[in-house]
Amino acid sequence: MSKSFGTIRQVGYVVKDIEKAMEHWAKVLHVGPWFYRVDATPTTFTYYGKASTPPKMSIAVANSGDMQVELIQQHDDADSLYRDSLLSAGECTQHIAYWTEDGFDEMRSQLLAEGYQEGHAGQMGQRGRFTYLVHPDLPSAIIEISETRGGKGEYFKRVFAAAQDWDGTDPIRRV
């Protein structure tokens, strides 16, 4: 556990085929059920501090115990750290995330003061802000700070609850 940010709550992966990835995680690794948003395009987006066209993407999340796993497939060539990671490393673990209801600005400021750069940031509708931060000394360790106020926090609680007694049925749930 980070003494500054609490527990890591999510591990995110960039993938080329999100449906194939969900099927693998569900059938082979027995992680699920997956909550799948075919269109999870952010409503606002910046790339290295400049307003940018939001990437068209799909996102799926599921829990394995307390840890949330996120799968991300970007469907276009818009600038984003998702695209950058996929181009440089292929399908891979792309980020870890810390969640906060009310400490978003402070956590972001603390990482920026430590030399991190905001690679991309945005918001998904009314579900809270997100920022992905990269440090030049360790560019493979992308940190996401995710604001979980309101609907986003409730959504994450539903995903967690569904995983607790999941018996393998209905592994992919479109939302």
C-alpha atoms as a PDB file:
ATOM      1  CA  MET A   1       0.000   0.000   0.000  1.00  0.00           C
ATOM      2  CA  SER A   2       1.258   3.461  -0.867  1.00  0.00           C
ATOM      3  CA  LYS A   3       1.511   5.668   2.190  1.00  0.00           C
ATOM      4  CA  SER A   4       0.618   8.626  -0.010  1.00  0.00           C
ATOM      5  CA  PHE A   5      -2.188   7.254  -2.175  1.00  0.00           C
ATOM      6  CA  GLY A   6      -3.618   4.186  -0.445  1.00  0.00           C
ATOM      7  CA  THR A   7      -4.127   0.808  -2.058  1.00  0.00           C
ATOM      8  CA  ILE A   8      -3.630   0.180  -5.760  1.00  0.00           C
ATOM      9  CA  ARG A   9      -7.194  -0.512  -6.893  1.00  0.00           C
ATOM     10  CA  GLN A  10      -6.839  -1.339 -10.583  1.00  0.00           C
ATOM     11  CA  VAL A  11      -4.449  -2.791 -13.142  1.00  0.00           C
ATOM     12  CA  GLY A  12      -5.143  -1.740 -16.733  1.00  0.00           C
ATOM     13  CA  TYR A  13      -4.204  -3.541 -19.946  1.00  0.00           C
ATOM     14  CA  VAL A  14      -4.239  -2.271 -23.517  1.00  0.00           C
ATOM     15  CA  VAL A  15      -5.454  -4.917 -25.938  1.00  0.00           C
ATOM     16  CA  LYS A  16      -6.074  -5.247 -29.661  1.00  0.00           C
ATOM     17  CA  ASP A  17      -9.250  -7.345 -29.337  1.00  0.00           C
ATOM     18  CA  ILE A  18     -11.178  -6.649 -26.144  1.00  0.00           C
ATOM     19  CA  GLU A  19     -13.769  -9.373 -26.717  1.00  0.00           C
ATOM     20  CA  LYS A  20     -11.068 -12.007 -27.161  1.00  0.00           C
ATOM     21  CA  ALA A  21      -9.300 -10.707 -24.051  1.00  0.00           C
ATOM     22  CA  MET A  22     -12.496 -10.820 -21.947  1.00  0.00           C
ATOM     23  CA  GLU A  23     -13.191 -14.371 -23.082  1.00  0.00           C
ATOM     24  CA  HIS A  24      -9.665 -15.444 -22.121  1.00  0.00           C
ATOM     25  CA  TRP A  25      -9.796 -13.804 -18.697  1.00  0.00           C
ATOM     26  CA  ALA A  26     -13.229 -15.332 -18.016  1.00  0.00           C
ATOM     27  CA  LYS A  27     -12.662 -18.869 -19.359  1.00  0.00           C
ATOM     28  CA  VAL A  28      -8.977 -19.447 -18.620  1.00  0.00           C
ATOM     29  CA  LEU A  29      -8.296 -17.228 -15.596  1.00  0.00           C
ATOM     30  CA  HIS A  30     -11.864 -17.345 -14.168  1.00  0.00           C
ATOM     31  CA  VAL A  31     -12.007 -13.574 -13.672  1.00  0.00           C
ATOM     32  CA  GLY A  32     -15.395 -11.993 -14.199  1.00  0.00           C
ATOM     33  CA  PRO A  33     -18.035 -11.109 -14.871  1.00  0.00           C
ATOM     34  CA  TRP A  34     -16.924  -8.391 -17.266  1.00  0.00           C
ATOM     35  CA  PHE A  35     -18.833  -5.132 -17.463  1.00  0.00           C
ATOM     36  CA  TYR A  36     -18.289  -4.034 -21.055  1.00  0.00           C
ATOM     37  CA  ARG A  37     -18.806  -0.577 -22.500  1.00  0.00           C
ATOM     38  CA  VAL A  38     -18.520  -0.785 -26.282  1.00  0.00           C
ATOM     39  CA  ASP A  39     -18.373   3.013 -26.534  1.00  0.00           C
ATOM     40  CA  ALA A  40     -16.397   4.441 -23.632  1.00  0.00           C
ATOM     41  CA  THR A  41     -15.158   7.546 -25.419  1.00  0.00           C
ATOM     42  CA  PRO A  42     -14.257  10.297 -22.923  1.00  0.00           C
ATOM     43  CA  THR A  43     -16.291  13.500 -23.024  1.00  0.00           C
ATOM     44  CA  THR A  44     -13.188  15.647 -22.453  1.00  0.00           C
ATOM     45  CA  PHE A  45      -9.573  14.755 -23.143  1.00  0.00           C
ATOM     46  CA  THR A  46      -6.077  16.240 -23.074  1.00  0.00           C
ATOM     47  CA  TYR A  47      -2.826  14.756 -24.329  1.00  0.00           C
ATOM     48  CA  TYR A  48       0.325  16.130 -22.692  1.00  0.00           C
ATOM     49  CA  GLY A  49      -1.558  19.200 -21.527  1.00  0.00           C
ATOM     50  CA  LYS A  50      -3.239  20.154 -24.805  1.00  0.00           C
ATOM     51  CA  ALA A  51      -6.900  19.704 -25.679  1.00  0.00           C
ATOM     52  CA  SER A  52      -7.130  16.676 -27.935  1.00  0.00           C
ATOM     53  CA  THR A  53      -9.672  14.606 -29.801  1.00  0.00           C
ATOM     54  CA  PRO A  54     -10.837  11.926 -27.361  1.00  0.00           C
ATOM     55  CA  PRO A  55      -9.876   8.412 -28.451  1.00  0.00           C
ATOM     56  CA  LYS A  56     -12.713   6.143 -29.535  1.00  0.00           C
ATOM     57  CA  MET A  57     -12.429   3.176 -27.239  1.00  0.00           C
ATOM     58  CA  SER A  58     -14.081   0.278 -25.498  1.00  0.00           C
ATOM     59  CA  ILE A  59     -13.487  -0.577 -21.850  1.00  0.00           C
ATOM     60  CA  ALA A  60     -14.264  -3.674 -19.809  1.00  0.00           C
ATOM     61  CA  VAL A  61     -13.792  -4.078 -16.053  1.00  0.00           C
ATOM     62  CA  ALA A  62     -14.002  -7.037 -13.697  1.00  0.00           C
ATOM     63  CA  ASN A  63     -12.710  -7.788 -10.235  1.00  0.00           C
ATOM     64  CA  SER A  64     -10.389 -10.486  -8.979  1.00  0.00           C
ATOM     65  CA  GLY A  65     -10.849 -10.135  -5.237  1.00  0.00           C
ATOM     66  CA  ASP A  66     -10.289  -6.496  -4.317  1.00  0.00           C
ATOM     67  CA  MET A  67      -8.299  -5.779  -7.493  1.00  0.00           C
ATOM     68  CA  GLN A  68     -10.130  -4.434 -10.527  1.00  0.00           C
ATOM     69  CA  VAL A  69      -8.815  -5.454 -13.936  1.00  0.00           C
ATOM     70  CA  GLU A  70      -9.466  -3.059 -16.821  1.00  0.00           C
ATOM     71  CA  LEU A  71      -9.168  -3.915 -20.503  1.00  0.00           C
ATOM     72  CA  ILE A  72      -8.912  -1.037 -22.993  1.00  0.00           C
ATOM     73  CA  GLN A  73      -9.159  -1.205 -26.772  1.00  0.00           C
ATOM     74  CA  GLN A  74      -8.646   2.004 -28.718  1.00  0.00           C
ATOM     75  CA  HIS A  75     -10.387   1.964 -32.111  1.00  0.00           C
ATOM     76  CA  ASP A  76      -8.729   4.956 -33.781  1.00  0.00           C
ATOM     77  CA  ASP A  77      -5.395   6.775 -34.106  1.00  0.00           C
ATOM     78  CA  ALA A  78      -6.152   9.650 -31.716  1.00  0.00           C
ATOM     79  CA  ASP A  79      -3.230  10.610 -29.492  1.00  0.00           C
ATOM     80  CA  SER A  80      -3.359   8.828 -26.125  1.00  0.00           C
ATOM     81  CA  LEU A  81      -1.123   6.874 -23.788  1.00  0.00           C
ATOM     82  CA  TYR A  82      -3.189   3.791 -24.699  1.00  0.00           C
ATOM     83  CA  ARG A  83      -2.097   4.124 -28.315  1.00  0.00           C
ATOM     84  CA  ASP A  84       1.474   4.986 -27.301  1.00  0.00           C
ATOM     85  CA  SER A  85       1.714   1.876 -25.103  1.00  0.00           C
ATOM     86  CA  LEU A  86       0.257  -0.392 -27.757  1.00  0.00           C
ATOM     87  CA  LEU A  87       2.649   0.949 -30.402  1.00  0.00           C
ATOM     88  CA  SER A  88       5.737   0.710 -28.194  1.00  0.00           C
ATOM     89  CA  ALA A  89       5.075  -2.503 -26.277  1.00  0.00           C
ATOM     90  CA  GLY A  90       2.134  -4.231 -27.928  1.00  0.00           C
ATOM     91  CA  GLU A  91      -0.592  -5.667 -25.729  1.00  0.00           C
ATOM     92  CA  CYS A  92       0.604  -5.112 -22.191  1.00  0.00           C
ATOM     93  CA  THR A  93      -0.058  -4.046 -18.664  1.00  0.00           C
ATOM     94  CA  GLN A  94      -0.443  -0.313 -19.194  1.00  0.00           C
ATOM     95  CA  HIS A  95      -1.152   1.300 -15.826  1.00  0.00           C
ATOM     96  CA  ILE A  96      -1.987   0.951 -12.168  1.00  0.00           C
ATOM     97  CA  ALA A  97      -4.708   3.111 -10.668  1.00  0.00           C
ATOM     98  CA  TYR A  98      -5.410   4.738  -7.349  1.00  0.00           C
ATOM     99  CA  TRP A  99      -9.001   5.779  -6.628  1.00  0.00           C
ATOM    100  CA  THR A 100     -10.151   8.778  -4.656  1.00  0.00           C
ATOM    101  CA  GLU A 101     -13.450  10.438  -3.868  1.00  0.00           C
ATOM    102  CA  ASP A 102     -12.062  13.781  -2.771  1.00  0.00           C
ATOM    103  CA  GLY A 103      -8.267  13.819  -3.124  1.00  0.00           C
ATOM    104  CA  PHE A 104      -7.911  13.951  -6.909  1.00  0.00           C
ATOM    105  CA  ASP A 105      -6.340  17.414  -7.164  1.00  0.00           C
ATOM    106  CA  GLU A 106      -3.964  16.820  -4.251  1.00  0.00           C
ATOM    107  CA  MET A 107      -2.790  13.432  -5.545  1.00  0.00           C
ATOM    108  CA  ARG A 108      -2.274  14.827  -9.038  1.00  0.00           C
ATOM    109  CA  SER A 109      -0.354  17.831  -7.676  1.00  0.00           C
ATOM    110  CA  GLN A 110       1.856  15.603  -5.525  1.00  0.00           C
ATOM    111  CA  LEU A 111       2.880  13.457  -8.495  1.00  0.00           C
ATOM    112  CA  LEU A 112       3.497  16.510 -10.676  1.00  0.00           C
ATOM    113  CA  ALA A 113       5.731  17.933  -7.914  1.00  0.00           C
ATOM    114  CA  GLU A 114       7.700  14.659  -7.985  1.00  0.00           C
ATOM    115  CA  GLY A 115       8.485  15.115 -11.690  1.00  0.00           C
ATOM    116  CA  TYR A 116       5.612  13.219 -13.262  1.00  0.00           C
ATOM    117  CA  GLN A 117       4.029  14.578 -16.440  1.00  0.00           C
ATOM    118  CA  GLU A 118       0.354  14.362 -17.239  1.00  0.00           C
ATOM    119  CA  GLY A 119       0.335  12.126 -20.317  1.00  0.00           C
ATOM    120  CA  HIS A 120      -3.392  12.254 -20.800  1.00  0.00           C
ATOM    121  CA  ALA A 121      -6.425  13.195 -18.772  1.00  0.00           C
ATOM    122  CA  GLY A 122     -10.137  13.622 -19.153  1.00  0.00           C
ATOM    123  CA  GLN A 123     -13.579  12.810 -17.938  1.00  0.00           C
ATOM    124  CA  MET A 124     -16.195  10.193 -18.764  1.00  0.00           C
ATOM    125  CA  GLY A 125     -19.577  11.946 -18.745  1.00  0.00           C
ATOM    126  CA  GLN A 126     -20.470  12.731 -15.146  1.00  0.00           C
ATOM    127  CA  ARG A 127     -18.495   9.784 -13.761  1.00  0.00           C
ATOM    128  CA  GLY A 128     -15.426  11.647 -12.512  1.00  0.00           C
ATOM    129  CA  ARG A 129     -12.081  12.756 -13.785  1.00  0.00           C
ATOM    130  CA  PHE A 130      -9.043  10.642 -14.584  1.00  0.00           C
ATOM    131  CA  THR A 131      -5.404  11.483 -15.153  1.00  0.00           C
ATOM    132  CA  TYR A 132      -2.552   9.273 -16.321  1.00  0.00           C
ATOM    133  CA  LEU A 133       0.874  10.380 -15.161  1.00  0.00           C
ATOM    134  CA  VAL A 134       4.278   9.327 -16.492  1.00  0.00           C
ATOM    135  CA  HIS A 135       7.737   9.896 -15.023  1.00  0.00           C
ATOM    136  CA  PRO A 136      10.664  10.310 -17.459  1.00  0.00           C
ATOM    137  CA  ASP A 137      12.868   8.084 -15.238  1.00  0.00           C
ATOM    138  CA  LEU A 138      10.376   5.193 -15.377  1.00  0.00           C
ATOM    139  CA  PRO A 139       8.056   5.653 -18.379  1.00  0.00           C
ATOM    140  CA  SER A 140       6.724   2.091 -18.140  1.00  0.00           C
ATOM    141  CA  ALA A 141       5.139   2.842 -14.736  1.00  0.00           C
ATOM    142  CA  ILE A 142       2.055   4.839 -15.700  1.00  0.00           C
ATOM    143  CA  ILE A 143      -0.028   5.935 -12.718  1.00  0.00           C
ATOM    144  CA  GLU A 144      -3.740   6.685 -13.059  1.00  0.00           C
ATOM    145  CA  ILE A 145      -5.593   8.763 -10.501  1.00  0.00           C
ATOM    146  CA  SER A 146      -9.325   8.110 -10.862  1.00  0.00           C
ATOM    147  CA  GLU A 147     -11.975  10.221  -9.201  1.00  0.00           C
ATOM    148  CA  THR A 148     -14.724   7.938  -7.905  1.00  0.00           C
ATOM    149  CA  ARG A 149     -17.387  10.405  -6.842  1.00  0.00           C
ATOM    150  CA  GLY A 150     -21.003   9.717  -7.654  1.00  0.00           C
ATOM    151  CA  GLY A 151     -21.898   7.265 -10.373  1.00  0.00           C
ATOM    152  CA  LYS A 152     -18.376   6.004 -11.021  1.00  0.00           C
ATOM    153  CA  GLY A 153     -17.883   4.862  -7.429  1.00  0.00           C
ATOM    154  CA  GLU A 154     -21.279   3.170  -7.394  1.00  0.00           C
ATOM    155  CA  TYR A 155     -20.496   1.448 -10.704  1.00  0.00           C
ATOM    156  CA  PHE A 156     -17.193   0.113  -9.322  1.00  0.00           C
ATOM    157  CA  LYS A 157     -19.035  -1.218  -6.249  1.00  0.00           C
ATOM    158  CA  ARG A 158     -21.491  -3.107  -8.504  1.00  0.00           C
ATOM    159  CA  VAL A 159     -18.591  -4.640 -10.453  1.00  0.00           C
ATOM    160  CA  PHE A 160     -16.937  -5.725  -7.191  1.00  0.00           C
ATOM    161  CA  ALA A 161     -20.170  -7.213  -5.799  1.00  0.00           C
ATOM    162  CA  ALA A 162     -20.882  -9.166  -8.989  1.00  0.00           C
ATOM    163  CA  ALA A 163     -17.465 -10.834  -8.816  1.00  0.00           C
ATOM    164  CA  GLN A 164     -17.858 -12.047  -5.227  1.00  0.00           C
ATOM    165  CA  ASP A 165     -20.126 -15.014  -5.984  1.00  0.00           C
ATOM    166  CA  TRP A 166     -19.645 -15.242  -9.748  1.00  0.00           C
ATOM    167  CA  ASP A 167     -20.159 -18.812 -10.945  1.00  0.00           C
ATOM    168  CA  GLY A 168     -18.942 -18.336 -14.515  1.00  0.00           C
ATOM    169  CA  THR A 169     -22.355 -17.662 -16.067  1.00  0.00           C
ATOM    170  CA  ASP A 170     -23.048 -14.533 -18.090  1.00  0.00           C
ATOM    171  CA  PRO A 171     -19.320 -13.658 -18.321  1.00  0.00           C
ATOM    172  CA  ILE A 172     -19.693 -10.537 -20.504  1.00  0.00           C
ATOM    173  CA  ARG A 173     -22.311  -7.951 -19.546  1.00  0.00           C
ATOM    174  CA  ARG A 174     -22.785  -5.003 -21.889  1.00  0.00           C
ATOM    175  CA  VAL A 175     -23.523  -1.742 -20.101  1.00  0.00           C
END
